[in-house]
N, C-alpha and C. Protein backbone atom coordinates (compact mmCIF):
# COMPACT_ATOMS: atom_id res chain seq x y z
N MET A 1 -45.50 -17.66 -30.51
CA MET A 1 -46.73 -17.72 -29.71
C MET A 1 -46.83 -16.46 -28.85
N GLU A 2 -47.89 -15.69 -29.02
CA GLU A 2 -48.05 -14.43 -28.28
C GLU A 2 -49.20 -14.54 -27.29
N TRP A 3 -49.03 -13.82 -26.19
CA TRP A 3 -50.06 -13.79 -25.15
C TRP A 3 -51.26 -12.98 -25.62
N SER A 4 -52.47 -13.50 -25.43
CA SER A 4 -53.70 -12.79 -25.81
C SER A 4 -54.55 -12.60 -24.56
N TRP A 5 -54.76 -11.33 -24.16
CA TRP A 5 -55.60 -11.06 -22.99
C TRP A 5 -57.06 -11.44 -23.25
N GLU A 6 -57.46 -11.31 -24.52
CA GLU A 6 -58.84 -11.68 -24.86
C GLU A 6 -59.05 -13.18 -24.66
N ARG A 7 -58.07 -13.98 -25.12
CA ARG A 7 -58.19 -15.43 -24.95
C ARG A 7 -58.09 -15.80 -23.47
N ALA A 8 -57.27 -15.06 -22.72
CA ALA A 8 -57.16 -15.32 -21.28
C ALA A 8 -58.50 -15.06 -20.59
N GLY A 9 -59.19 -13.99 -21.01
CA GLY A 9 -60.49 -13.69 -20.44
C GLY A 9 -61.52 -14.77 -20.76
N GLU A 10 -61.43 -15.32 -21.98
CA GLU A 10 -62.35 -16.40 -22.35
C GLU A 10 -62.07 -17.68 -21.55
N ALA A 11 -60.81 -17.87 -21.19
CA ALA A 11 -60.43 -19.10 -20.48
C ALA A 11 -60.84 -19.07 -19.00
N LEU A 12 -60.94 -17.87 -18.43
CA LEU A 12 -61.17 -17.78 -16.97
C LEU A 12 -62.42 -18.53 -16.49
N PRO A 13 -63.59 -18.35 -17.12
CA PRO A 13 -64.77 -19.10 -16.62
C PRO A 13 -64.59 -20.62 -16.69
N VAL A 14 -63.93 -21.08 -17.75
CA VAL A 14 -63.69 -22.52 -17.90
C VAL A 14 -62.75 -23.01 -16.79
N LEU A 15 -61.70 -22.24 -16.54
CA LEU A 15 -60.74 -22.64 -15.51
C LEU A 15 -61.35 -22.55 -14.12
N TRP A 16 -62.22 -21.56 -13.93
CA TRP A 16 -62.87 -21.42 -12.61
C TRP A 16 -63.71 -22.66 -12.30
N GLU A 17 -64.40 -23.17 -13.32
CA GLU A 17 -65.21 -24.38 -13.11
C GLU A 17 -64.29 -25.57 -12.76
N GLY A 18 -63.15 -25.68 -13.48
CA GLY A 18 -62.19 -26.74 -13.16
C GLY A 18 -61.59 -26.57 -11.78
N PHE A 19 -61.37 -25.32 -11.38
CA PHE A 19 -60.81 -25.05 -10.06
C PHE A 19 -61.78 -25.47 -8.96
N ARG A 20 -63.08 -25.25 -9.20
CA ARG A 20 -64.10 -25.66 -8.22
C ARG A 20 -64.07 -27.19 -8.03
N ILE A 21 -63.91 -27.93 -9.14
CA ILE A 21 -63.83 -29.39 -9.04
C ILE A 21 -62.56 -29.79 -8.28
N THR A 22 -61.46 -29.10 -8.56
CA THR A 22 -60.20 -29.39 -7.86
C THR A 22 -60.34 -29.17 -6.35
N LEU A 23 -60.94 -28.03 -5.98
CA LEU A 23 -61.14 -27.74 -4.56
C LEU A 23 -62.06 -28.77 -3.90
N LEU A 24 -63.14 -29.11 -4.60
CA LEU A 24 -64.09 -30.08 -4.05
C LEU A 24 -63.41 -31.43 -3.81
N ALA A 25 -62.64 -31.88 -4.80
CA ALA A 25 -61.94 -33.17 -4.66
C ALA A 25 -60.94 -33.11 -3.50
N THR A 26 -60.27 -31.97 -3.34
CA THR A 26 -59.27 -31.85 -2.27
C THR A 26 -59.93 -31.85 -0.89
N VAL A 27 -60.98 -31.04 -0.74
CA VAL A 27 -61.63 -30.92 0.58
C VAL A 27 -62.26 -32.26 1.00
N LEU A 28 -63.04 -32.86 0.09
CA LEU A 28 -63.71 -34.12 0.44
C LEU A 28 -62.69 -35.25 0.59
N GLY A 29 -61.70 -35.29 -0.31
CA GLY A 29 -60.67 -36.33 -0.22
C GLY A 29 -59.89 -36.22 1.06
N PHE A 30 -59.57 -35.00 1.48
CA PHE A 30 -58.80 -34.85 2.72
C PHE A 30 -59.63 -35.20 3.95
N ALA A 31 -60.93 -34.90 3.90
CA ALA A 31 -61.80 -35.27 5.02
C ALA A 31 -61.80 -36.80 5.20
N ILE A 32 -61.90 -37.53 4.09
CA ILE A 32 -61.86 -38.99 4.15
C ILE A 32 -60.50 -39.45 4.68
N ALA A 33 -59.42 -38.86 4.15
CA ALA A 33 -58.07 -39.27 4.56
C ALA A 33 -57.83 -38.98 6.04
N ALA A 34 -58.33 -37.84 6.53
CA ALA A 34 -58.09 -37.47 7.94
C ALA A 34 -58.75 -38.47 8.89
N VAL A 35 -59.99 -38.85 8.59
CA VAL A 35 -60.72 -39.78 9.45
C VAL A 35 -60.14 -41.20 9.34
N LEU A 36 -59.95 -41.64 8.10
CA LEU A 36 -59.45 -43.01 7.87
C LEU A 36 -58.03 -43.17 8.39
N GLY A 37 -57.20 -42.16 8.17
CA GLY A 37 -55.82 -42.22 8.65
C GLY A 37 -55.76 -42.32 10.17
N LEU A 38 -56.63 -41.56 10.86
CA LEU A 38 -56.65 -41.61 12.31
C LEU A 38 -57.10 -42.99 12.80
N MET A 39 -58.10 -43.56 12.11
CA MET A 39 -58.56 -44.90 12.49
C MET A 39 -57.44 -45.93 12.33
N VAL A 40 -56.69 -45.83 11.24
CA VAL A 40 -55.58 -46.77 11.02
C VAL A 40 -54.51 -46.60 12.11
N ALA A 41 -54.18 -45.35 12.44
CA ALA A 41 -53.14 -45.11 13.45
C ALA A 41 -53.56 -45.66 14.82
N ILE A 42 -54.83 -45.44 15.19
CA ILE A 42 -55.32 -45.93 16.48
C ILE A 42 -55.36 -47.45 16.48
N THR A 43 -55.80 -48.03 15.35
CA THR A 43 -55.85 -49.50 15.25
C THR A 43 -54.46 -50.10 15.45
N ARG A 44 -53.46 -49.52 14.80
CA ARG A 44 -52.10 -50.06 14.92
C ARG A 44 -51.57 -49.94 16.34
N ARG A 45 -52.02 -48.92 17.07
CA ARG A 45 -51.49 -48.68 18.43
C ARG A 45 -52.23 -49.48 19.50
N SER A 46 -53.55 -49.66 19.31
CA SER A 46 -54.33 -50.15 20.44
C SER A 46 -54.94 -51.54 20.25
N LEU A 47 -55.10 -51.99 18.99
CA LEU A 47 -55.76 -53.27 18.81
C LEU A 47 -54.75 -54.42 18.79
N PRO A 48 -55.23 -55.67 18.96
CA PRO A 48 -54.32 -56.83 18.96
C PRO A 48 -53.51 -56.92 17.67
N ARG A 49 -52.38 -57.57 17.77
CA ARG A 49 -51.44 -57.65 16.64
C ARG A 49 -52.06 -58.33 15.42
N TRP A 50 -52.95 -59.31 15.65
CA TRP A 50 -53.52 -60.01 14.49
C TRP A 50 -54.46 -59.12 13.69
N ILE A 51 -54.89 -58.01 14.27
CA ILE A 51 -55.67 -57.02 13.52
C ILE A 51 -54.76 -55.90 13.01
N ALA A 52 -53.86 -55.44 13.89
CA ALA A 52 -53.01 -54.29 13.55
C ALA A 52 -52.08 -54.58 12.38
N VAL A 53 -51.51 -55.79 12.32
CA VAL A 53 -50.54 -56.10 11.26
C VAL A 53 -51.19 -56.09 9.87
N PRO A 54 -52.34 -56.78 9.67
CA PRO A 54 -52.97 -56.70 8.34
C PRO A 54 -53.39 -55.28 7.96
N VAL A 55 -53.90 -54.50 8.94
CA VAL A 55 -54.29 -53.12 8.65
C VAL A 55 -53.07 -52.31 8.20
N HIS A 56 -51.95 -52.52 8.88
CA HIS A 56 -50.71 -51.81 8.51
C HIS A 56 -50.26 -52.24 7.11
N ALA A 57 -50.38 -53.53 6.81
CA ALA A 57 -49.95 -54.04 5.50
C ALA A 57 -50.78 -53.43 4.37
N VAL A 58 -52.10 -53.36 4.58
CA VAL A 58 -52.96 -52.76 3.55
C VAL A 58 -52.65 -51.28 3.38
N SER A 59 -52.45 -50.58 4.51
CA SER A 59 -52.14 -49.16 4.46
C SER A 59 -50.84 -48.92 3.70
N GLU A 60 -49.84 -49.74 3.95
CA GLU A 60 -48.55 -49.59 3.25
C GLU A 60 -48.69 -49.89 1.76
N PHE A 61 -49.48 -50.91 1.44
CA PHE A 61 -49.69 -51.26 0.03
C PHE A 61 -50.32 -50.08 -0.73
N VAL A 62 -51.34 -49.47 -0.12
CA VAL A 62 -52.01 -48.33 -0.77
C VAL A 62 -51.06 -47.15 -0.87
N ARG A 63 -50.28 -46.91 0.19
CA ARG A 63 -49.38 -45.74 0.21
C ARG A 63 -48.24 -45.87 -0.79
N LEU A 64 -47.81 -47.09 -1.05
CA LEU A 64 -46.61 -47.29 -1.86
C LEU A 64 -46.90 -47.68 -3.31
N THR A 65 -48.18 -47.67 -3.69
CA THR A 65 -48.51 -47.92 -5.10
C THR A 65 -48.98 -46.60 -5.72
N PRO A 66 -48.75 -46.43 -7.03
CA PRO A 66 -49.05 -45.13 -7.67
C PRO A 66 -50.54 -44.77 -7.60
N LEU A 67 -50.78 -43.49 -7.38
CA LEU A 67 -52.16 -43.00 -7.31
C LEU A 67 -52.90 -43.23 -8.63
N VAL A 68 -52.20 -43.04 -9.75
CA VAL A 68 -52.85 -43.21 -11.06
C VAL A 68 -53.33 -44.65 -11.25
N VAL A 69 -52.52 -45.60 -10.82
CA VAL A 69 -52.90 -47.01 -10.93
C VAL A 69 -54.16 -47.28 -10.11
N GLN A 70 -54.20 -46.74 -8.89
CA GLN A 70 -55.37 -46.94 -8.03
C GLN A 70 -56.62 -46.30 -8.64
N LEU A 71 -56.45 -45.11 -9.24
CA LEU A 71 -57.60 -44.44 -9.86
C LEU A 71 -58.15 -45.27 -11.02
N LEU A 72 -57.26 -45.74 -11.89
CA LEU A 72 -57.70 -46.52 -13.05
C LEU A 72 -58.32 -47.85 -12.63
N PHE A 73 -57.75 -48.46 -11.60
CA PHE A 73 -58.27 -49.73 -11.10
C PHE A 73 -59.70 -49.55 -10.57
N ALA A 74 -59.88 -48.53 -9.72
CA ALA A 74 -61.21 -48.29 -9.14
C ALA A 74 -62.21 -47.88 -10.21
N TYR A 75 -61.75 -47.09 -11.18
CA TYR A 75 -62.65 -46.60 -12.25
C TYR A 75 -63.15 -47.76 -13.12
N SER A 76 -62.28 -48.72 -13.37
CA SER A 76 -62.70 -49.87 -14.20
C SER A 76 -63.52 -50.87 -13.40
N LEU A 77 -63.32 -50.87 -12.07
CA LEU A 77 -64.00 -51.85 -11.23
C LEU A 77 -65.39 -51.38 -10.78
N LEU A 78 -65.60 -50.06 -10.73
CA LEU A 78 -66.84 -49.51 -10.15
C LEU A 78 -67.54 -48.59 -11.16
N PRO A 79 -68.08 -49.14 -12.23
CA PRO A 79 -68.71 -48.29 -13.26
C PRO A 79 -70.00 -47.63 -12.80
N GLN A 80 -70.56 -48.10 -11.68
CA GLN A 80 -71.83 -47.53 -11.21
C GLN A 80 -71.66 -46.16 -10.55
N PHE A 81 -70.41 -45.77 -10.26
CA PHE A 81 -70.15 -44.48 -9.62
C PHE A 81 -69.59 -43.49 -10.65
N THR A 82 -69.78 -42.19 -10.37
CA THR A 82 -69.23 -41.17 -11.28
C THR A 82 -67.71 -41.10 -11.10
N ALA A 83 -67.07 -40.53 -12.12
CA ALA A 83 -65.60 -40.41 -12.06
C ALA A 83 -65.18 -39.54 -10.87
N LEU A 84 -65.94 -38.48 -10.59
CA LEU A 84 -65.57 -37.59 -9.47
C LEU A 84 -65.71 -38.32 -8.14
N GLN A 85 -66.79 -39.09 -7.98
CA GLN A 85 -66.97 -39.84 -6.73
C GLN A 85 -65.81 -40.81 -6.52
N ILE A 86 -65.43 -41.51 -7.58
CA ILE A 86 -64.30 -42.46 -7.46
C ILE A 86 -63.02 -41.70 -7.16
N GLY A 87 -62.82 -40.57 -7.84
CA GLY A 87 -61.60 -39.79 -7.61
C GLY A 87 -61.47 -39.32 -6.17
N VAL A 88 -62.58 -38.81 -5.60
CA VAL A 88 -62.55 -38.32 -4.22
C VAL A 88 -62.21 -39.45 -3.25
N VAL A 89 -62.87 -40.59 -3.42
CA VAL A 89 -62.65 -41.70 -2.48
C VAL A 89 -61.23 -42.26 -2.62
N VAL A 90 -60.75 -42.40 -3.86
CA VAL A 90 -59.39 -42.94 -4.04
C VAL A 90 -58.35 -41.97 -3.49
N LEU A 91 -58.55 -40.67 -3.72
CA LEU A 91 -57.63 -39.69 -3.12
C LEU A 91 -57.61 -39.83 -1.60
N GLY A 92 -58.80 -39.96 -1.02
CA GLY A 92 -58.89 -40.08 0.45
C GLY A 92 -58.21 -41.33 0.96
N ILE A 93 -58.44 -42.46 0.30
CA ILE A 93 -57.83 -43.71 0.75
C ILE A 93 -56.31 -43.67 0.56
N HIS A 94 -55.88 -43.13 -0.58
CA HIS A 94 -54.44 -43.06 -0.85
C HIS A 94 -53.73 -42.22 0.21
N TYR A 95 -54.28 -41.05 0.51
CA TYR A 95 -53.61 -40.18 1.47
C TYR A 95 -53.84 -40.62 2.91
N ALA A 96 -54.81 -41.50 3.14
CA ALA A 96 -55.00 -42.01 4.51
C ALA A 96 -53.74 -42.74 4.98
N GLY A 97 -53.04 -43.40 4.04
CA GLY A 97 -51.79 -44.08 4.41
C GLY A 97 -50.74 -43.10 4.90
N TYR A 98 -50.63 -41.96 4.22
CA TYR A 98 -49.67 -40.94 4.66
C TYR A 98 -50.08 -40.32 5.99
N LEU A 99 -51.38 -40.03 6.12
CA LEU A 99 -51.83 -39.38 7.36
C LEU A 99 -51.76 -40.34 8.54
N ALA A 100 -51.90 -41.65 8.28
CA ALA A 100 -51.75 -42.62 9.37
C ALA A 100 -50.34 -42.53 9.96
N GLU A 101 -49.33 -42.35 9.09
CA GLU A 101 -47.96 -42.19 9.58
C GLU A 101 -47.80 -40.88 10.35
N VAL A 102 -48.47 -39.83 9.87
CA VAL A 102 -48.40 -38.54 10.57
C VAL A 102 -49.02 -38.66 11.96
N TYR A 103 -50.20 -39.28 12.03
CA TYR A 103 -50.86 -39.46 13.33
C TYR A 103 -50.02 -40.36 14.24
N ARG A 104 -49.42 -41.41 13.64
CA ARG A 104 -48.60 -42.33 14.46
C ARG A 104 -47.46 -41.56 15.13
N ALA A 105 -46.80 -40.69 14.36
CA ALA A 105 -45.71 -39.90 14.94
C ALA A 105 -46.26 -38.99 16.05
N GLY A 106 -47.44 -38.41 15.82
CA GLY A 106 -48.03 -37.55 16.84
C GLY A 106 -48.38 -38.32 18.11
N ILE A 107 -48.91 -39.52 17.94
CA ILE A 107 -49.26 -40.35 19.10
C ILE A 107 -48.00 -40.74 19.88
N GLU A 108 -46.95 -41.09 19.15
CA GLU A 108 -45.71 -41.50 19.82
C GLU A 108 -45.01 -40.32 20.51
N SER A 109 -45.38 -39.09 20.10
CA SER A 109 -44.77 -37.92 20.75
C SER A 109 -45.38 -37.62 22.12
N VAL A 110 -46.51 -38.26 22.42
CA VAL A 110 -47.13 -38.06 23.75
C VAL A 110 -46.25 -38.74 24.80
N PRO A 111 -45.81 -38.01 25.80
CA PRO A 111 -44.89 -38.59 26.81
C PRO A 111 -45.49 -39.82 27.49
N PRO A 112 -44.67 -40.85 27.74
CA PRO A 112 -45.17 -42.07 28.42
C PRO A 112 -45.85 -41.76 29.75
N GLY A 113 -45.39 -40.70 30.41
CA GLY A 113 -45.98 -40.33 31.70
C GLY A 113 -47.47 -40.02 31.59
N GLN A 114 -47.89 -39.51 30.42
CA GLN A 114 -49.31 -39.20 30.23
C GLN A 114 -50.14 -40.49 30.21
N TRP A 115 -49.62 -41.52 29.53
CA TRP A 115 -50.31 -42.82 29.50
C TRP A 115 -50.36 -43.41 30.92
N GLU A 116 -49.22 -43.33 31.62
CA GLU A 116 -49.15 -43.91 32.97
C GLU A 116 -50.09 -43.18 33.93
N ALA A 117 -50.16 -41.85 33.78
CA ALA A 117 -51.07 -41.07 34.65
C ALA A 117 -52.52 -41.47 34.40
N ALA A 118 -52.87 -41.68 33.13
CA ALA A 118 -54.24 -42.08 32.80
C ALA A 118 -54.56 -43.44 33.40
N ARG A 119 -53.59 -44.37 33.33
CA ARG A 119 -53.81 -45.70 33.93
C ARG A 119 -53.91 -45.59 35.44
N ALA A 120 -53.08 -44.72 36.04
CA ALA A 120 -53.11 -44.55 37.51
C ALA A 120 -54.46 -44.00 37.98
N LEU A 121 -55.08 -43.18 37.13
CA LEU A 121 -56.39 -42.61 37.48
C LEU A 121 -57.54 -43.53 37.08
N SER A 122 -57.19 -44.71 36.53
CA SER A 122 -58.19 -45.70 36.10
C SER A 122 -59.14 -45.14 35.04
N LEU A 123 -58.61 -44.30 34.17
CA LEU A 123 -59.45 -43.77 33.10
C LEU A 123 -59.75 -44.88 32.10
N PRO A 124 -60.98 -44.96 31.62
CA PRO A 124 -61.28 -45.95 30.56
C PRO A 124 -60.43 -45.67 29.32
N VAL A 125 -60.20 -46.72 28.54
CA VAL A 125 -59.35 -46.58 27.35
C VAL A 125 -59.87 -45.50 26.40
N GLY A 126 -61.18 -45.52 26.17
CA GLY A 126 -61.77 -44.55 25.25
C GLY A 126 -61.54 -43.12 25.72
N ARG A 127 -61.71 -42.88 27.02
CA ARG A 127 -61.54 -41.53 27.53
C ARG A 127 -60.06 -41.12 27.53
N THR A 128 -59.19 -42.10 27.75
CA THR A 128 -57.75 -41.80 27.68
C THR A 128 -57.38 -41.28 26.30
N TRP A 129 -57.92 -41.96 25.26
CA TRP A 129 -57.64 -41.50 23.90
C TRP A 129 -58.24 -40.12 23.65
N ARG A 130 -59.53 -39.95 24.02
CA ARG A 130 -60.23 -38.70 23.68
C ARG A 130 -59.72 -37.51 24.47
N ALA A 131 -59.47 -37.71 25.77
CA ALA A 131 -59.17 -36.57 26.64
C ALA A 131 -57.68 -36.32 26.84
N VAL A 132 -56.85 -37.36 26.65
CA VAL A 132 -55.42 -37.21 26.97
C VAL A 132 -54.55 -37.29 25.71
N VAL A 133 -54.70 -38.37 24.97
CA VAL A 133 -53.74 -38.65 23.89
C VAL A 133 -54.04 -37.85 22.63
N LEU A 134 -55.28 -37.97 22.11
CA LEU A 134 -55.57 -37.36 20.81
C LEU A 134 -55.40 -35.84 20.79
N PRO A 135 -55.83 -35.09 21.82
CA PRO A 135 -55.61 -33.63 21.74
C PRO A 135 -54.13 -33.27 21.56
N GLN A 136 -53.26 -33.99 22.27
CA GLN A 136 -51.82 -33.69 22.13
C GLN A 136 -51.27 -34.20 20.81
N ALA A 137 -51.70 -35.40 20.41
CA ALA A 137 -51.17 -36.00 19.17
C ALA A 137 -51.59 -35.20 17.95
N ILE A 138 -52.86 -34.77 17.91
CA ILE A 138 -53.35 -34.03 16.74
C ILE A 138 -52.69 -32.65 16.68
N ARG A 139 -52.49 -32.02 17.84
CA ARG A 139 -51.81 -30.72 17.82
C ARG A 139 -50.39 -30.86 17.28
N ALA A 140 -49.71 -31.93 17.66
CA ALA A 140 -48.35 -32.15 17.15
C ALA A 140 -48.34 -32.49 15.67
N SER A 141 -49.47 -33.02 15.17
CA SER A 141 -49.54 -33.46 13.77
C SER A 141 -49.98 -32.37 12.81
N LEU A 142 -50.48 -31.24 13.34
CA LEU A 142 -51.10 -30.24 12.47
C LEU A 142 -50.21 -29.74 11.34
N PRO A 143 -48.93 -29.40 11.59
CA PRO A 143 -48.10 -28.93 10.46
C PRO A 143 -47.99 -29.96 9.35
N ALA A 144 -47.76 -31.23 9.71
CA ALA A 144 -47.63 -32.27 8.70
C ALA A 144 -48.96 -32.51 7.98
N LEU A 145 -50.07 -32.38 8.70
CA LEU A 145 -51.38 -32.52 8.05
C LEU A 145 -51.58 -31.43 7.00
N GLY A 146 -51.16 -30.21 7.35
CA GLY A 146 -51.27 -29.11 6.39
C GLY A 146 -50.43 -29.34 5.16
N THR A 147 -49.23 -29.88 5.34
CA THR A 147 -48.37 -30.18 4.20
C THR A 147 -49.02 -31.20 3.28
N ASN A 148 -49.71 -32.17 3.87
CA ASN A 148 -50.38 -33.19 3.06
C ASN A 148 -51.59 -32.63 2.32
N VAL A 149 -52.23 -31.60 2.88
CA VAL A 149 -53.33 -30.95 2.15
C VAL A 149 -52.80 -30.35 0.84
N VAL A 150 -51.66 -29.66 0.96
CA VAL A 150 -51.07 -29.04 -0.24
C VAL A 150 -50.66 -30.11 -1.24
N SER A 151 -50.08 -31.20 -0.75
CA SER A 151 -49.66 -32.30 -1.65
C SER A 151 -50.86 -32.90 -2.37
N MET A 152 -51.95 -33.12 -1.65
CA MET A 152 -53.15 -33.67 -2.28
C MET A 152 -53.69 -32.71 -3.33
N PHE A 153 -53.71 -31.41 -2.99
CA PHE A 153 -54.19 -30.40 -3.93
C PHE A 153 -53.39 -30.46 -5.24
N LYS A 154 -52.08 -30.63 -5.11
CA LYS A 154 -51.23 -30.67 -6.32
C LYS A 154 -51.32 -32.01 -7.04
N ASP A 155 -51.86 -33.03 -6.39
CA ASP A 155 -52.03 -34.34 -7.04
C ASP A 155 -53.36 -34.48 -7.76
N THR A 156 -54.26 -33.50 -7.59
CA THR A 156 -55.58 -33.63 -8.23
C THR A 156 -55.52 -33.72 -9.76
N PRO A 157 -54.48 -33.16 -10.45
CA PRO A 157 -54.45 -33.34 -11.92
C PRO A 157 -54.40 -34.81 -12.35
N PHE A 158 -54.00 -35.72 -11.43
CA PHE A 158 -54.02 -37.15 -11.79
C PHE A 158 -55.44 -37.64 -12.08
N LEU A 159 -56.45 -36.87 -11.63
CA LEU A 159 -57.83 -37.28 -11.88
C LEU A 159 -58.18 -37.26 -13.37
N PHE A 160 -57.30 -36.62 -14.17
CA PHE A 160 -57.55 -36.62 -15.62
C PHE A 160 -57.62 -38.05 -16.16
N ALA A 161 -56.91 -38.97 -15.48
CA ALA A 161 -56.83 -40.36 -15.96
C ALA A 161 -58.20 -41.04 -15.97
N ILE A 162 -59.13 -40.53 -15.14
CA ILE A 162 -60.47 -41.14 -15.11
C ILE A 162 -61.54 -40.14 -15.60
N THR A 163 -61.09 -39.19 -16.41
CA THR A 163 -61.97 -38.25 -17.14
C THR A 163 -62.58 -37.15 -16.27
N VAL A 164 -62.08 -36.93 -15.06
CA VAL A 164 -62.57 -35.81 -14.25
C VAL A 164 -61.96 -34.52 -14.82
N VAL A 165 -62.82 -33.54 -15.09
CA VAL A 165 -62.33 -32.28 -15.68
C VAL A 165 -61.98 -31.32 -14.55
N GLU A 166 -60.82 -31.55 -13.95
CA GLU A 166 -60.34 -30.61 -12.92
C GLU A 166 -59.59 -29.47 -13.60
N LEU A 167 -58.84 -28.69 -12.84
CA LEU A 167 -58.26 -27.45 -13.35
C LEU A 167 -57.33 -27.66 -14.55
N VAL A 168 -56.39 -28.58 -14.45
CA VAL A 168 -55.42 -28.77 -15.53
C VAL A 168 -56.09 -29.34 -16.78
N THR A 169 -57.01 -30.29 -16.57
CA THR A 169 -57.72 -30.86 -17.72
C THR A 169 -58.58 -29.79 -18.40
N ALA A 170 -59.20 -28.92 -17.60
CA ALA A 170 -59.99 -27.82 -18.18
C ALA A 170 -59.10 -26.91 -19.02
N ALA A 171 -57.90 -26.63 -18.51
CA ALA A 171 -56.95 -25.79 -19.28
C ALA A 171 -56.52 -26.50 -20.56
N GLN A 172 -56.27 -27.78 -20.46
CA GLN A 172 -55.83 -28.54 -21.63
C GLN A 172 -56.93 -28.58 -22.70
N GLN A 173 -58.18 -28.79 -22.27
CA GLN A 173 -59.29 -28.84 -23.23
C GLN A 173 -59.51 -27.48 -23.89
N PHE A 174 -59.39 -26.40 -23.08
CA PHE A 174 -59.54 -25.06 -23.65
C PHE A 174 -58.44 -24.81 -24.69
N GLY A 175 -57.21 -25.20 -24.35
CA GLY A 175 -56.10 -25.01 -25.28
C GLY A 175 -56.30 -25.80 -26.56
N ALA A 176 -56.83 -27.01 -26.46
CA ALA A 176 -57.04 -27.85 -27.64
C ALA A 176 -58.11 -27.24 -28.55
N ARG A 177 -59.15 -26.66 -27.93
CA ARG A 177 -60.22 -26.07 -28.73
C ARG A 177 -59.75 -24.83 -29.50
N HIS A 178 -58.81 -24.06 -28.89
CA HIS A 178 -58.36 -22.80 -29.50
C HIS A 178 -56.97 -22.92 -30.11
N TYR A 179 -56.41 -24.10 -30.12
CA TYR A 179 -55.05 -24.32 -30.64
C TYR A 179 -54.04 -23.37 -29.99
N ALA A 180 -54.24 -23.08 -28.70
CA ALA A 180 -53.34 -22.18 -27.97
C ALA A 180 -53.40 -22.56 -26.49
N TYR A 181 -52.25 -22.97 -25.94
CA TYR A 181 -52.23 -23.44 -24.56
C TYR A 181 -51.62 -22.42 -23.60
N LEU A 182 -50.95 -21.41 -24.12
CA LEU A 182 -50.17 -20.50 -23.27
C LEU A 182 -51.02 -19.86 -22.18
N GLU A 183 -52.12 -19.24 -22.57
CA GLU A 183 -52.92 -18.50 -21.59
C GLU A 183 -53.57 -19.45 -20.58
N ALA A 184 -54.18 -20.53 -21.08
CA ALA A 184 -54.91 -21.44 -20.17
C ALA A 184 -53.95 -22.11 -19.17
N MET A 185 -52.80 -22.60 -19.65
CA MET A 185 -51.88 -23.28 -18.75
C MET A 185 -51.23 -22.31 -17.77
N THR A 186 -50.95 -21.09 -18.25
CA THR A 186 -50.38 -20.09 -17.33
C THR A 186 -51.37 -19.74 -16.23
N LEU A 187 -52.63 -19.53 -16.61
CA LEU A 187 -53.64 -19.20 -15.61
C LEU A 187 -53.90 -20.37 -14.66
N ALA A 188 -53.81 -21.60 -15.17
CA ALA A 188 -53.97 -22.76 -14.29
C ALA A 188 -52.87 -22.76 -13.23
N GLY A 189 -51.64 -22.45 -13.66
CA GLY A 189 -50.54 -22.36 -12.69
C GLY A 189 -50.78 -21.27 -11.66
N VAL A 190 -51.34 -20.14 -12.11
CA VAL A 190 -51.64 -19.04 -11.18
C VAL A 190 -52.71 -19.46 -10.18
N PHE A 191 -53.72 -20.18 -10.64
CA PHE A 191 -54.77 -20.69 -9.72
C PHE A 191 -54.13 -21.57 -8.64
N PHE A 192 -53.25 -22.49 -9.06
CA PHE A 192 -52.60 -23.37 -8.08
C PHE A 192 -51.77 -22.56 -7.09
N LEU A 193 -51.03 -21.57 -7.61
CA LEU A 193 -50.17 -20.76 -6.73
C LEU A 193 -51.01 -19.97 -5.73
N LEU A 194 -52.10 -19.36 -6.22
CA LEU A 194 -52.94 -18.54 -5.33
C LEU A 194 -53.59 -19.38 -4.23
N ALA A 195 -53.83 -20.65 -4.51
CA ALA A 195 -54.44 -21.50 -3.48
C ALA A 195 -53.37 -22.12 -2.57
N SER A 196 -52.22 -22.49 -3.12
CA SER A 196 -51.20 -23.20 -2.34
C SER A 196 -50.39 -22.25 -1.45
N TYR A 197 -50.07 -21.05 -1.97
CA TYR A 197 -49.18 -20.17 -1.21
C TYR A 197 -49.76 -19.75 0.15
N PRO A 198 -51.03 -19.27 0.21
CA PRO A 198 -51.58 -18.92 1.53
C PRO A 198 -51.59 -20.12 2.49
N THR A 199 -51.85 -21.31 1.95
CA THR A 199 -51.85 -22.49 2.82
C THR A 199 -50.46 -22.76 3.36
N SER A 200 -49.43 -22.60 2.51
CA SER A 200 -48.05 -22.81 2.96
C SER A 200 -47.66 -21.79 4.03
N VAL A 201 -48.07 -20.54 3.82
CA VAL A 201 -47.76 -19.50 4.82
C VAL A 201 -48.44 -19.83 6.15
N LEU A 202 -49.69 -20.28 6.06
CA LEU A 202 -50.44 -20.63 7.28
C LEU A 202 -49.75 -21.78 8.02
N ILE A 203 -49.25 -22.77 7.25
CA ILE A 203 -48.58 -23.91 7.88
C ILE A 203 -47.31 -23.46 8.58
N ARG A 204 -46.52 -22.58 7.94
CA ARG A 204 -45.27 -22.10 8.57
C ARG A 204 -45.57 -21.33 9.86
N ARG A 205 -46.61 -20.50 9.83
CA ARG A 205 -46.98 -19.74 11.04
C ARG A 205 -47.43 -20.69 12.14
N LEU A 206 -48.16 -21.73 11.73
CA LEU A 206 -48.64 -22.71 12.71
C LEU A 206 -47.47 -23.45 13.35
N GLU A 207 -46.47 -23.81 12.52
CA GLU A 207 -45.28 -24.49 13.05
C GLU A 207 -44.56 -23.61 14.06
N LYS A 208 -44.41 -22.31 13.73
CA LYS A 208 -43.72 -21.39 14.65
C LYS A 208 -44.50 -21.23 15.95
N ARG A 209 -45.83 -21.15 15.81
CA ARG A 209 -46.65 -20.95 17.01
C ARG A 209 -46.59 -22.17 17.92
N LEU A 210 -46.67 -23.36 17.30
CA LEU A 210 -46.62 -24.59 18.11
C LEU A 210 -45.26 -24.79 18.73
N ALA A 211 -44.21 -24.23 18.11
CA ALA A 211 -42.86 -24.41 18.65
C ALA A 211 -42.70 -23.71 19.99
N TYR A 212 -43.55 -22.72 20.28
CA TYR A 212 -43.46 -22.00 21.56
C TYR A 212 -44.05 -22.80 22.72
N TYR A 213 -44.83 -23.85 22.39
CA TYR A 213 -45.51 -24.61 23.46
C TYR A 213 -44.79 -25.91 23.76
């Protein structure tokens, strides 16, 4: 099997389209996960036990079951939605369980004195969360949130299970049409590296910067 630059050039537009779908699924999925995960973390910390325990149980169930199983389940249950819509939402819900744990650790890192000071000043609960707890908790959670972005990005090939043509599926289809996978799969790996490496560098710099504070 020999490398063909001509075939690599033909594969690039196809892979670029798959890469756009991969990025879209990652960005939208992470936005859902970030909001939902924060809601779960706050619910577990602040609401009564009869609400917090079931929410925690559901979050753990989603986090500890395979992403592919969840994708196939949602795809068979919700035929009225497109495969990409289902993929984005399932990615977001799946990673919300992980981000809830990240936010929980960030919330618990806020010194007890901060909570006590807010109570001493008679701050309303909502303002205590918005003005005192969340700014510190989210800042402490940023490195782990970045790591989860990269993990979600690398999990997008699982969307092939519900027929979403993301980057790897686009490479696979191109290879099947031309009976040659070398160029398409190599370029798909390069696309992933070019997107993941700058993010990893940014996360490391962020960790070092936050370590000074």
